[in-house]
Amino acid sequence: MRDSVIIKFGTDGWRGVIGEDYTFSNLKKVAQAVADYLGRGKRVAVGFDTRFMSERFAYITAQVLSANGIKIVLSDRAIPSPALSYTVKSRKLDLGVMITASHNPAEYNGFKIKTPSGGAAGPEITKVVESLIGKNPVKSDAKKEIKKENLVQDYVGFIRSYIDFKKIKNKKFKILVDPMYGSGDSFIASVLKGSSIRIELMRNDINPSFGGKRPEPIEENLRDLMRRVRDEKFDLGIALDGDADRIGAVAPGGIFVNPQRILALLALHLSQDRRWKGGLVKTIAGSTIMDNISKFLGVKLYETPVGFKYISNLMETKDIVAGGEEAGGMGVKGYIPERDGTVAGLLLLEMMVYRNKDILKILNEVEKQFGRYYYLRSDLKLPQRIEPSKEKLPRKLLGKKVVEIKDYDGIKLICEDESWLMFRSSGTEPIMRIYVESRSLAKSKRLLRLGERIILKNAL
């Protein structure tokens, strides 16, 4: 075990391999640092997902915080991260702690911090917490029992009031939900209870190994969902990641709908069908279709680094209708400034009801108007982390001149024909994420292979 490891918070919390970086000793140090940051007399909600030992890690965290004079609201069951965030905001608490490693492989666990608004803690909080780790001895009272509470009821009740339930309730859609063995479980079914919509679940039992796959709702992990949507003629498939704050979707025929297209649909639904006003947000790794949509709607498009905490910050300070990241995190107006896969999935269903069309027909119409972009991503595993040098990267990609380079988070090469290639190192694993987009699937595949060759050449 490496209890002397330097603990750092990444784009969304601290994560580590269970039994190596992520030990009880290190967890207690982080919890003590949070307690030192807050001070006595504050109130904190603690939640956990379905990962190995998550419930125990949450209880240990609660004991440390309690021993430091902090009042604890501890979940009595595994919950989605957005449920924890909603609890913090609705109960006017001082902070939230969620024990989860989100979409990371099964051997990981993590520690997310949520602000009083329910948003993701930014560097102004996490840097202070990091600086306090190990400064003071850990206080803990192993004998003290921590009362557990139901944090689900209010969360489900709010979502039920947030969506247009009256408009949805009598529709006879057939929906397949895949929580990927995570804490999303049956929340969509709970929200839609009493409606005519038929909900079926798959991979909804507790399996800390996640069936041998990381609980990330990307195309290669959703083959069974895609097959069932196609073969059993579902109207929509919804997949949630390990802590249910991210979404993947499948249209009739088993067609995967990537997060870029989901964000485009949500932006149009909320702006046109619900007639909400406000700007839109994408990350540097986001699709060009959002630029086209924002111009058409006449609203401002904000671009942020990767990491929902940056979108979260904008949602707290600006009037934002919808914001999303390439990994499937979607945030919407009138809710917490945080992503929620359950809410995003229900809004896709709501859009189908408003427009009286299936999601594939809606998507085809949107892409006919705003352009069809082929967005691909590759996660290239490396022996160790590397950072490509901007100066050594080519100034032409597949014969097209690079006209702009963005390097404020990773490196993005944008070509004269709108195609682009981006490199960004993972903050938690020795993985280089390679993103590409163009107007042709064949070209996007070629760009992806080119990107992999460039990185492997740098890694040798």
Protein backbone atom coordinates (compact mmCIF):
# COMPACT_ATOMS: atom_id res chain seq x y z
CA MET A 1 0.00 0.00 0.00
CA ARG A 2 1.15 3.53 -0.73
CA ASP A 3 -0.34 5.67 2.00
CA SER A 4 2.38 8.27 1.46
CA VAL A 5 1.19 8.93 -2.09
CA ILE A 6 0.61 12.57 -3.04
CA ILE A 7 -3.15 13.00 -3.34
CA LYS A 8 -4.33 15.24 -6.16
CA PHE A 9 -7.81 16.18 -7.34
CA GLY A 10 -8.35 15.87 -11.10
CA THR A 11 -11.08 17.23 -13.34
CA ASP A 12 -13.74 15.69 -11.10
CA GLY A 13 -12.39 14.70 -7.72
CA TRP A 14 -9.70 12.41 -6.37
CA ARG A 15 -9.53 8.88 -7.76
CA GLY A 16 -7.18 5.98 -7.11
CA VAL A 17 -6.82 2.22 -7.29
CA ILE A 18 -8.43 0.52 -4.30
CA GLY A 19 -5.79 -0.90 -1.95
CA GLU A 20 -2.98 1.09 -3.59
CA ASP A 21 -3.63 4.85 -3.69
CA TYR A 22 -7.19 4.56 -2.46
CA THR A 23 -6.76 3.21 1.08
CA PHE A 24 -8.65 3.78 4.31
CA SER A 25 -5.67 5.75 5.60
CA ASN A 26 -5.58 8.08 2.59
CA LEU A 27 -9.36 8.42 2.58
CA LYS A 28 -9.30 9.53 6.24
CA LYS A 29 -6.61 12.11 5.44
CA VAL A 30 -8.76 13.58 2.66
CA ALA A 31 -11.85 13.59 4.89
CA GLN A 32 -9.85 15.34 7.63
CA ALA A 33 -8.67 17.94 5.12
CA VAL A 34 -12.30 18.60 4.13
CA ALA A 35 -13.19 18.98 7.81
CA ASP A 36 -10.29 21.42 8.31
CA TYR A 37 -11.44 23.37 5.26
CA LEU A 38 -15.02 23.64 6.55
CA GLY A 39 -14.60 24.07 10.30
CA ARG A 40 -16.91 22.90 13.08
CA GLY A 41 -20.67 23.31 13.02
CA LYS A 42 -21.13 22.85 9.27
CA ARG A 43 -23.44 20.34 7.56
CA VAL A 44 -22.33 17.82 4.93
CA ALA A 45 -24.17 15.16 2.89
CA VAL A 46 -22.28 11.94 2.11
CA GLY A 47 -23.34 9.54 -0.65
CA PHE A 48 -21.89 6.50 -2.41
CA ASP A 49 -22.31 4.39 -5.54
CA THR A 50 -22.26 0.61 -6.14
CA ARG A 51 -18.48 0.20 -6.38
CA PHE A 52 -16.55 -2.25 -4.24
CA MET A 53 -16.47 -0.97 -0.63
CA SER A 54 -18.13 2.35 -1.51
CA GLU A 55 -20.64 2.11 1.33
CA ARG A 56 -17.86 1.40 3.83
CA PHE A 57 -15.69 4.22 2.47
CA ALA A 58 -18.66 6.59 2.80
CA TYR A 59 -19.25 5.53 6.40
CA ILE A 60 -15.58 6.05 7.31
CA THR A 61 -15.68 9.50 5.69
CA ALA A 62 -18.81 10.36 7.68
CA GLN A 63 -17.15 9.25 10.93
CA VAL A 64 -14.13 11.51 10.36
CA LEU A 65 -16.30 14.51 9.51
CA SER A 66 -18.57 13.85 12.49
CA ALA A 67 -15.59 13.60 14.86
CA ASN A 68 -14.65 17.10 13.71
CA GLY A 69 -17.98 18.58 14.82
CA ILE A 70 -19.70 18.42 11.43
CA LYS A 71 -23.35 17.35 11.15
CA ILE A 72 -23.73 14.47 8.69
CA VAL A 73 -26.51 13.55 6.27
CA LEU A 74 -25.52 10.01 5.17
CA SER A 75 -27.38 8.15 2.42
CA ASP A 76 -28.94 4.83 3.39
CA ARG A 77 -28.35 3.32 -0.04
CA ALA A 78 -26.29 3.67 -3.22
CA ILE A 79 -27.42 6.79 -5.11
CA PRO A 80 -26.53 8.74 -8.25
CA SER A 81 -24.11 11.64 -7.80
CA PRO A 82 -26.85 14.09 -8.91
CA ALA A 83 -29.05 12.87 -6.03
CA LEU A 84 -26.27 13.80 -3.62
CA SER A 85 -25.87 17.19 -5.34
CA TYR A 86 -29.62 17.83 -5.18
CA THR A 87 -29.64 16.99 -1.46
CA VAL A 88 -26.88 19.51 -0.77
CA LYS A 89 -28.73 22.28 -2.59
CA SER A 90 -32.29 21.53 -1.45
CA ARG A 91 -31.33 21.15 2.22
CA LYS A 92 -29.03 24.18 2.11
CA LEU A 93 -26.00 22.20 3.32
CA ASP A 94 -22.43 23.46 3.35
CA LEU A 95 -20.88 20.72 1.20
CA GLY A 96 -21.37 17.26 -0.27
CA VAL A 97 -19.04 14.28 -0.57
CA MET A 98 -19.73 11.51 -3.07
CA ILE A 99 -17.77 8.27 -2.93
CA THR A 100 -17.48 7.23 -6.58
CA ALA A 101 -14.98 6.85 -9.39
CA SER A 102 -17.71 7.53 -11.95
CA HIS A 103 -16.82 5.76 -15.22
CA ASN A 104 -13.35 4.52 -14.19
CA PRO A 105 -12.57 0.76 -14.21
CA ALA A 106 -13.77 -1.40 -11.32
CA GLU A 107 -10.47 -1.31 -9.44
CA TYR A 108 -10.83 2.45 -8.87
CA ASN A 109 -12.80 4.43 -6.35
CA GLY A 110 -12.97 8.16 -5.75
CA PHE A 111 -14.01 11.19 -3.73
CA LYS A 112 -16.05 14.01 -5.30
CA ILE A 113 -16.76 17.30 -3.53
CA LYS A 114 -20.01 19.19 -4.22
CA THR A 115 -20.56 22.87 -3.44
CA PRO A 116 -23.60 24.30 -1.57
CA SER A 117 -25.26 24.95 -4.95
CA GLY A 118 -24.87 21.28 -5.84
CA GLY A 119 -22.17 21.96 -8.42
CA ALA A 120 -18.76 20.36 -8.78
CA ALA A 121 -16.06 21.87 -6.57
CA GLY A 122 -13.60 23.91 -8.60
CA PRO A 123 -9.88 24.47 -8.04
CA GLU A 124 -10.60 27.28 -5.56
CA ILE A 125 -11.87 24.54 -3.19
CA THR A 126 -9.91 21.45 -4.19
CA LYS A 127 -6.53 23.22 -4.10
CA VAL A 128 -7.20 24.32 -0.52
CA VAL A 129 -8.29 20.81 0.47
CA GLU A 130 -5.15 19.37 -1.15
CA SER A 131 -2.97 21.80 0.80
CA LEU A 132 -4.57 20.67 4.07
CA ILE A 133 -4.03 16.93 3.54
CA GLY A 134 -1.78 15.61 6.30
CA LYS A 135 -1.55 18.98 8.08
CA ASN A 136 -3.52 17.78 11.12
CA PRO A 137 -3.95 14.37 12.76
CA VAL A 138 -7.05 12.48 11.69
CA LYS A 139 -9.93 12.64 14.15
CA SER A 140 -12.32 9.72 14.05
CA ASP A 141 -14.76 8.05 16.40
CA ALA A 142 -15.23 4.46 15.24
CA LYS A 143 -17.72 3.80 18.04
CA LYS A 144 -20.13 6.56 17.05
CA GLU A 145 -23.06 5.42 14.96
CA ILE A 146 -23.94 7.65 12.01
CA LYS A 147 -27.66 7.87 11.23
CA LYS A 148 -28.56 7.06 7.64
CA GLU A 149 -31.30 8.84 5.68
CA ASN A 150 -33.35 8.37 2.53
CA LEU A 151 -31.98 10.85 -0.02
CA VAL A 152 -33.93 9.35 -2.92
CA GLN A 153 -37.50 10.44 -2.26
CA ASP A 154 -36.97 14.20 -2.65
CA TYR A 155 -34.70 13.70 -5.67
CA VAL A 156 -37.26 11.59 -7.54
CA GLY A 157 -40.04 13.97 -6.54
CA PHE A 158 -38.20 16.97 -7.96
CA ILE A 159 -37.44 15.28 -11.29
CA ARG A 160 -41.07 14.22 -11.59
CA SER A 161 -42.06 17.89 -11.24
CA TYR A 162 -39.24 19.08 -13.54
CA ILE A 163 -40.29 17.06 -16.57
CA ASP A 164 -43.65 17.57 -18.26
CA PHE A 165 -45.21 14.49 -16.68
CA LYS A 166 -48.77 15.38 -17.69
CA LYS A 167 -47.75 15.57 -21.35
CA ILE A 168 -45.77 12.32 -21.13
CA LYS A 169 -47.95 10.11 -18.92
CA ASN A 170 -50.39 8.76 -21.54
CA LYS A 171 -47.81 8.02 -24.24
CA LYS A 172 -47.06 4.37 -24.93
CA PHE A 173 -43.35 4.47 -25.65
CA LYS A 174 -41.17 1.48 -24.91
CA ILE A 175 -37.88 2.43 -23.22
CA LEU A 176 -34.87 0.26 -22.31
CA VAL A 177 -32.63 1.57 -19.51
CA ASP A 178 -29.10 0.28 -18.90
CA PRO A 179 -27.55 1.57 -15.63
CA MET A 180 -24.39 -0.46 -16.40
CA TYR A 181 -24.49 -2.03 -12.89
CA GLY A 182 -24.17 1.46 -11.40
CA SER A 183 -26.23 3.48 -8.97
CA GLY A 184 -28.68 4.76 -11.62
CA ASP A 185 -30.71 1.57 -11.24
CA SER A 186 -34.49 2.19 -11.40
CA PHE A 187 -34.73 5.97 -10.98
CA ILE A 188 -36.18 6.61 -14.45
CA ALA A 189 -38.83 3.96 -13.75
CA SER A 190 -39.59 5.62 -10.40
CA VAL A 191 -40.05 9.04 -12.02
CA LEU A 192 -42.38 7.59 -14.68
CA LYS A 193 -44.43 5.48 -12.25
CA GLY A 194 -48.11 5.80 -13.08
CA SER A 195 -47.51 6.61 -16.75
CA SER A 196 -48.28 4.42 -19.76
CA ILE A 197 -44.62 4.29 -20.76
CA ARG A 198 -43.16 0.79 -20.59
CA ILE A 199 -39.76 0.71 -18.91
CA GLU A 200 -37.44 -2.29 -19.01
CA LEU A 201 -34.08 -2.53 -17.24
CA MET A 202 -30.90 -4.41 -18.03
CA ARG A 203 -27.64 -4.70 -16.07
CA ASN A 204 -29.41 -3.19 -13.06
CA ASP A 205 -28.20 -5.55 -10.33
CA ILE A 206 -25.15 -4.79 -8.18
CA ASN A 207 -21.95 -6.05 -9.76
CA PRO A 208 -18.80 -4.30 -8.48
CA SER A 209 -16.80 -5.70 -11.41
CA PHE A 210 -19.25 -4.02 -13.83
CA GLY A 211 -19.29 -7.18 -15.91
CA GLY A 212 -15.63 -6.74 -16.82
CA LYS A 213 -16.16 -3.39 -18.58
CA ARG A 214 -15.73 0.13 -17.31
CA PRO A 215 -19.17 1.65 -16.60
CA GLU A 216 -18.84 4.31 -19.29
CA PRO A 217 -21.75 4.74 -21.75
CA ILE A 218 -19.69 4.78 -24.94
CA GLU A 219 -20.52 2.82 -28.06
CA GLU A 220 -18.16 -0.13 -27.53
CA ASN A 221 -19.62 -0.74 -24.06
CA LEU A 222 -23.25 -0.66 -25.18
CA ARG A 223 -23.39 -3.41 -27.83
CA ASP A 224 -25.98 -5.42 -25.87
CA LEU A 225 -28.17 -2.34 -25.36
CA MET A 226 -27.92 -1.49 -29.05
CA ARG A 227 -28.80 -5.07 -30.04
CA ARG A 228 -31.83 -5.21 -27.74
CA VAL A 229 -33.15 -1.81 -28.86
CA ARG A 230 -32.91 -3.02 -32.46
CA ASP A 231 -34.23 -6.57 -32.02
CA GLU A 232 -36.97 -5.83 -29.49
CA LYS A 233 -38.04 -2.61 -31.21
CA PHE A 234 -37.62 -0.17 -28.34
CA ASP A 235 -38.34 3.50 -29.01
CA LEU A 236 -35.30 4.65 -27.02
CA GLY A 237 -32.37 3.16 -25.14
CA ILE A 238 -30.80 5.09 -22.26
CA ALA A 239 -27.47 4.17 -20.67
CA LEU A 240 -26.05 5.69 -17.49
CA ASP A 241 -22.48 5.58 -16.19
CA GLY A 242 -21.40 4.22 -12.78
CA ASP A 243 -22.77 7.13 -10.74
CA ALA A 244 -25.52 8.06 -13.23
CA ASP A 245 -24.36 11.58 -14.01
CA ARG A 246 -23.53 10.77 -17.65
CA ILE A 247 -25.70 9.48 -20.47
CA GLY A 248 -25.47 7.51 -23.66
CA ALA A 249 -28.49 6.91 -25.90
CA VAL A 250 -29.61 4.44 -28.56
CA ALA A 251 -32.17 5.22 -31.26
CA PRO A 252 -34.54 2.74 -32.97
CA GLY A 253 -32.62 0.29 -35.09
CA GLY A 254 -29.85 0.09 -32.49
CA ILE A 255 -28.16 3.32 -33.59
CA PHE A 256 -25.82 4.81 -31.00
CA VAL A 257 -26.42 8.51 -30.31
CA ASN A 258 -23.19 10.04 -29.05
CA PRO A 259 -23.17 12.77 -26.37
CA GLN A 260 -22.47 15.51 -28.91
CA ARG A 261 -25.76 14.75 -30.62
CA ILE A 262 -27.58 14.42 -27.28
CA LEU A 263 -26.42 17.90 -26.26
CA ALA A 264 -27.60 19.29 -29.60
CA LEU A 265 -31.03 17.71 -29.07
CA LEU A 266 -31.35 19.01 -25.51
CA ALA A 267 -30.31 22.52 -26.55
CA LEU A 268 -32.96 22.61 -29.27
CA HIS A 269 -35.68 21.02 -27.14
CA LEU A 270 -35.26 23.44 -24.24
CA SER A 271 -34.83 26.47 -26.51
CA GLN A 272 -37.53 25.70 -29.09
CA ASP A 273 -40.07 23.39 -27.44
CA ARG A 274 -39.93 24.76 -23.90
CA ARG A 275 -39.02 28.24 -25.20
CA TRP A 276 -36.36 28.81 -22.54
CA LYS A 277 -33.87 31.63 -23.04
CA GLY A 278 -30.13 31.54 -22.36
CA GLY A 279 -26.74 30.53 -23.67
CA LEU A 280 -25.21 27.16 -24.46
CA VAL A 281 -21.96 25.58 -23.29
CA LYS A 282 -19.61 23.04 -24.83
CA THR A 283 -16.04 22.05 -23.96
CA ILE A 284 -12.97 22.41 -26.16
CA ALA A 285 -13.55 18.78 -27.17
CA GLY A 286 -17.13 19.55 -28.24
CA SER A 287 -18.70 19.28 -31.68
CA THR A 288 -18.94 22.04 -34.27
CA ILE A 289 -22.70 21.39 -34.52
CA MET A 290 -23.12 23.42 -31.31
CA ASP A 291 -21.56 26.46 -33.03
CA ASN A 292 -24.13 26.15 -35.81
CA ILE A 293 -27.05 25.73 -33.41
CA SER A 294 -26.05 28.71 -31.25
CA LYS A 295 -25.77 30.93 -34.35
CA PHE A 296 -29.21 29.83 -35.55
CA LEU A 297 -30.80 30.44 -32.13
CA GLY A 298 -28.97 33.75 -31.78
CA VAL A 299 -27.52 32.85 -28.37
CA LYS A 300 -24.00 32.92 -26.95
CA LEU A 301 -21.94 29.74 -27.05
CA TYR A 302 -19.40 29.38 -24.25
CA GLU A 303 -16.41 27.07 -24.61
CA THR A 304 -14.63 25.65 -21.55
CA PRO A 305 -11.80 23.25 -20.72
CA VAL A 306 -12.76 19.58 -20.32
CA GLY A 307 -14.40 18.88 -16.97
CA PHE A 308 -17.94 19.62 -15.93
CA LYS A 309 -16.82 21.83 -13.06
CA TYR A 310 -16.09 24.54 -15.65
CA ILE A 311 -19.59 24.21 -17.10
CA SER A 312 -20.96 24.12 -13.56
CA ASN A 313 -19.26 27.43 -12.76
CA LEU A 314 -20.81 29.06 -15.84
CA MET A 315 -24.25 27.74 -14.94
CA GLU A 316 -23.95 29.48 -11.57
CA THR A 317 -22.85 32.82 -13.00
CA LYS A 318 -24.55 33.02 -16.43
CA ASP A 319 -28.00 32.30 -17.83
CA ILE A 320 -27.42 28.87 -19.41
CA VAL A 321 -30.08 26.69 -21.03
CA ALA A 322 -27.89 23.62 -21.55
CA GLY A 323 -24.26 22.65 -21.29
CA GLY A 324 -22.47 19.39 -21.89
CA GLU A 325 -19.18 17.59 -22.20
CA GLU A 326 -18.02 15.00 -24.69
CA ALA A 327 -18.12 12.22 -22.09
CA GLY A 328 -21.90 12.46 -21.70
CA GLY A 329 -22.37 14.89 -18.81
CA MET A 330 -25.34 17.21 -19.47
CA GLY A 331 -26.56 20.09 -17.31
CA VAL A 332 -29.80 22.00 -17.83
CA LYS A 333 -31.49 25.18 -16.66
CA GLY A 334 -33.74 25.30 -13.60
CA TYR A 335 -31.99 22.47 -11.77
CA ILE A 336 -28.65 21.96 -10.02
CA PRO A 337 -25.58 23.32 -11.86
CA GLU A 338 -24.44 19.74 -12.38
CA ARG A 339 -24.85 16.94 -14.89
CA ASP A 340 -27.56 14.30 -14.53
CA GLY A 341 -27.94 11.35 -16.90
CA THR A 342 -31.42 10.52 -15.61
CA VAL A 343 -32.76 14.02 -16.30
CA ALA A 344 -31.07 14.13 -19.72
CA GLY A 345 -32.65 10.81 -20.69
CA LEU A 346 -36.10 11.93 -19.57
CA LEU A 347 -35.74 15.16 -21.56
CA LEU A 348 -34.99 13.14 -24.70
CA LEU A 349 -38.23 11.27 -24.06
CA GLU A 350 -40.02 14.59 -23.49
CA MET A 351 -38.67 15.92 -26.80
CA MET A 352 -40.15 12.89 -28.58
CA VAL A 353 -43.53 13.69 -27.02
CA TYR A 354 -43.39 17.40 -27.85
CA ARG A 355 -42.49 16.75 -31.49
CA ASN A 356 -44.53 13.56 -31.86
CA LYS A 357 -41.61 11.83 -33.58
CA ASP A 358 -39.16 9.13 -32.66
CA ILE A 359 -35.70 10.22 -31.65
CA LEU A 360 -34.09 9.02 -34.89
CA LYS A 361 -36.42 11.10 -37.06
CA ILE A 362 -35.77 14.16 -34.86
CA LEU A 363 -32.02 13.59 -35.06
CA ASN A 364 -32.08 13.25 -38.84
CA GLU A 365 -33.99 16.52 -39.17
CA VAL A 366 -31.57 18.30 -36.85
CA GLU A 367 -28.54 17.07 -38.78
CA LYS A 368 -30.11 17.98 -42.10
CA GLN A 369 -30.46 21.56 -40.83
CA PHE A 370 -27.23 21.97 -38.84
CA GLY A 371 -24.85 19.50 -40.49
CA ARG A 372 -23.84 15.89 -39.99
CA TYR A 373 -20.54 15.61 -38.14
CA TYR A 374 -18.76 12.35 -37.46
CA TYR A 375 -17.22 12.55 -34.01
CA LEU A 376 -14.87 9.78 -32.88
CA ARG A 377 -12.67 9.21 -29.84
CA SER A 378 -9.90 6.75 -29.06
CA ASP A 379 -8.41 6.08 -25.63
CA LEU A 380 -4.82 5.08 -26.32
CA LYS A 381 -3.22 3.22 -23.41
CA LEU A 382 0.44 4.12 -22.91
CA PRO A 383 3.22 2.79 -20.67
CA GLN A 384 3.38 6.21 -19.02
CA ARG A 385 1.80 9.64 -19.37
CA ILE A 386 3.14 11.86 -22.13
CA GLU A 387 2.30 15.34 -23.34
CA PRO A 388 2.71 15.97 -27.09
CA SER A 389 4.64 19.08 -28.07
CA LYS A 390 2.63 21.63 -30.05
CA GLU A 391 5.76 22.59 -31.99
CA LYS A 392 6.27 19.01 -33.21
CA LEU A 393 2.72 18.48 -34.44
CA PRO A 394 1.97 18.70 -38.20
CA ARG A 395 0.56 21.84 -39.79
CA LYS A 396 -1.44 19.82 -42.30
CA LEU A 397 -3.83 16.94 -41.61
CA LEU A 398 -4.72 14.66 -44.50
CA GLY A 399 -3.84 17.40 -46.94
CA LYS A 400 -5.84 20.15 -45.21
CA LYS A 401 -4.09 23.14 -43.68
CA VAL A 402 -4.29 23.64 -39.92
CA VAL A 403 -5.72 27.15 -39.51
CA GLU A 404 -6.09 27.29 -35.71
CA ILE A 405 -4.47 25.64 -32.70
CA LYS A 406 -6.10 25.67 -29.26
CA ASP A 407 -3.91 24.55 -26.37
CA TYR A 408 -5.57 25.77 -23.19
CA ASP A 409 -6.58 22.17 -22.36
CA GLY A 410 -4.83 19.57 -24.44
CA ILE A 411 -3.99 20.46 -28.04
CA LYS A 412 -6.66 20.87 -30.73
CA LEU A 413 -5.68 21.25 -34.40
CA ILE A 414 -8.48 22.79 -36.49
CA CYS A 415 -8.32 22.57 -40.29
CA GLU A 416 -9.63 24.79 -43.05
CA ASP A 417 -12.50 22.37 -43.85
CA GLU A 418 -13.81 22.32 -40.22
CA SER A 419 -12.23 18.92 -39.54
CA TRP A 420 -10.13 18.74 -36.38
CA LEU A 421 -7.87 16.50 -34.29
CA MET A 422 -7.32 16.84 -30.56
CA PHE A 423 -5.00 15.26 -27.98
CA ARG A 424 -5.64 15.31 -24.25
CA SER A 425 -4.06 13.21 -21.50
CA SER A 426 -6.31 11.55 -18.94
CA GLY A 427 -6.01 13.08 -15.49
CA THR A 428 -6.38 9.72 -13.73
CA GLU A 429 -4.79 7.06 -15.98
CA PRO A 430 -1.84 6.73 -18.45
CA ILE A 431 -4.20 7.20 -21.37
CA MET A 432 -4.07 9.65 -24.26
CA ARG A 433 -7.54 10.62 -25.39
CA ILE A 434 -7.67 11.36 -29.11
CA TYR A 435 -10.71 13.18 -30.51
CA VAL A 436 -11.56 13.86 -34.14
CA GLU A 437 -14.44 15.27 -36.13
CA SER A 438 -15.18 15.79 -39.80
CA ARG A 439 -18.06 15.73 -42.28
CA SER A 440 -17.14 12.20 -43.42
CA LEU A 441 -17.02 9.00 -41.36
CA ALA A 442 -14.19 7.65 -43.53
CA LYS A 443 -12.18 10.83 -42.99
CA SER A 444 -12.80 10.80 -39.24
CA LYS A 445 -11.50 7.23 -39.08
CA ARG A 446 -8.40 8.25 -41.03
CA LEU A 447 -7.86 11.24 -38.72
CA LEU A 448 -8.14 8.97 -35.69
CA ARG A 449 -5.54 6.56 -37.07
CA LEU A 450 -3.27 9.52 -37.87
CA GLY A 451 -3.63 10.79 -34.32
CA GLU A 452 -2.73 7.39 -32.89
CA ARG A 453 0.38 7.21 -35.09
CA ILE A 454 1.48 10.68 -33.97
CA ILE A 455 1.17 9.76 -30.28
CA LEU A 456 2.86 6.37 -30.61
CA LYS A 457 5.75 8.03 -32.44
CA ASN A 458 6.08 10.51 -29.54
CA ALA A 459 5.84 7.71 -26.97
CA LEU A 460 8.68 5.62 -28.40
